[in-house]
Amino acid sequence: MNKITRQAINEANRNHLATLKESLERRISVARANGNEQLLRQLEAEASYLR
């Protein structure tokens, strides 16, 4: 793989991870606001995989 392609893949991976984290934070915020403790626990467990 050439350097440009590798850089593009790395950037896409970083952007994808950032988008996943943002989405997850929004979902956690909504679950917390709605008092949905079960969903909150599930989302927090999911978040631990992204850290």
C-alpha atoms as a PDB file:
ATOM      1  CA  MET A   1       0.000   0.000   0.000  1.00  0.00           C
ATOM      2  CA  ASN A   2       1.336   3.403  -0.776  1.00  0.00           C
ATOM      3  CA  LYS A   3       1.787   6.148   1.792  1.00  0.00           C
ATOM      4  CA  ILE A   4      -1.154   8.274   0.620  1.00  0.00           C
ATOM      5  CA  THR A   5      -3.580   5.357   0.751  1.00  0.00           C
ATOM      6  CA  ARG A   6      -2.385   4.366   4.216  1.00  0.00           C
ATOM      7  CA  GLN A   7      -2.803   7.953   5.426  1.00  0.00           C
ATOM      8  CA  ALA A   8      -6.300   8.138   3.949  1.00  0.00           C
ATOM      9  CA  ILE A   9      -7.276   4.888   5.672  1.00  0.00           C
ATOM     10  CA  ASN A  10      -5.880   6.092   8.995  1.00  0.00           C
ATOM     11  CA  GLU A  11      -7.753   9.385   8.706  1.00  0.00           C
ATOM     12  CA  ALA A  12     -10.990   7.597   7.806  1.00  0.00           C
ATOM     13  CA  ASN A  13     -10.553   5.306  10.825  1.00  0.00           C
ATOM     14  CA  ARG A  14      -9.999   8.286  13.142  1.00  0.00           C
ATOM     15  CA  ASN A  15     -13.052  10.078  11.734  1.00  0.00           C
ATOM     16  CA  HIS A  16     -15.191   6.969  12.068  1.00  0.00           C
ATOM     17  CA  LEU A  17     -14.157   6.457  15.687  1.00  0.00           C
ATOM     18  CA  ALA A  18     -14.846  10.122  16.478  1.00  0.00           C
ATOM     19  CA  THR A  19     -18.325   9.850  14.939  1.00  0.00           C
ATOM     20  CA  LEU A  20     -19.069   6.683  16.916  1.00  0.00           C
ATOM     21  CA  LYS A  21     -18.000   8.380  20.147  1.00  0.00           C
ATOM     22  CA  GLU A  22     -20.113  11.487  19.454  1.00  0.00           C
ATOM     23  CA  SER A  23     -23.170   9.387  18.678  1.00  0.00           C
ATOM     24  CA  LEU A  24     -22.664   7.284  21.774  1.00  0.00           C
ATOM     25  CA  GLU A  25     -22.311  10.373  23.977  1.00  0.00           C
ATOM     26  CA  ARG A  26     -25.600  11.734  22.615  1.00  0.00           C
ATOM     27  CA  ARG A  27     -27.311   8.405  23.279  1.00  0.00           C
ATOM     28  CA  ILE A  28     -25.906   8.291  26.823  1.00  0.00           C
ATOM     29  CA  SER A  29     -27.120  11.830  27.440  1.00  0.00           C
ATOM     30  CA  VAL A  30     -30.641  10.978  26.280  1.00  0.00           C
ATOM     31  CA  ALA A  31     -30.733   7.749  28.298  1.00  0.00           C
ATOM     32  CA  ARG A  32     -29.589   9.672  31.375  1.00  0.00           C
ATOM     33  CA  ALA A  33     -32.185  12.424  30.790  1.00  0.00           C
ATOM     34  CA  ASN A  34     -34.942   9.826  30.409  1.00  0.00           C
ATOM     35  CA  GLY A  35     -33.841   7.926  33.505  1.00  0.00           C
ATOM     36  CA  ASN A  36     -33.324   4.738  31.507  1.00  0.00           C
ATOM     37  CA  GLU A  37     -30.772   3.045  33.756  1.00  0.00           C
ATOM     38  CA  GLN A  38     -30.655  -0.250  31.862  1.00  0.00           C
ATOM     39  CA  LEU A  39     -29.909   1.457  28.557  1.00  0.00           C
ATOM     40  CA  LEU A  40     -27.423   3.746  30.283  1.00  0.00           C
ATOM     41  CA  ARG A  41     -25.496   0.732  31.633  1.00  0.00           C
ATOM     42  CA  GLN A  42     -25.467  -0.883  28.196  1.00  0.00           C
ATOM     43  CA  LEU A  43     -24.248   2.290  26.505  1.00  0.00           C
ATOM     44  CA  GLU A  44     -21.561   2.857  29.116  1.00  0.00           C
ATOM     45  CA  ALA A  45     -20.348  -0.712  28.582  1.00  0.00           C
ATOM     46  CA  GLU A  46     -20.262  -0.027  24.841  1.00  0.00           C
ATOM     47  CA  ALA A  47     -18.320   3.182  25.476  1.00  0.00           C
ATOM     48  CA  SER A  48     -15.672   1.269  27.399  1.00  0.00           C
ATOM     49  CA  TYR A  49     -14.815  -0.586  24.175  1.00  0.00           C
ATOM     50  CA  LEU A  50     -14.186   2.687  22.345  1.00  0.00           C
ATOM     51  CA  ARG A  51     -11.795   4.158  24.901  1.00  0.00           C
END
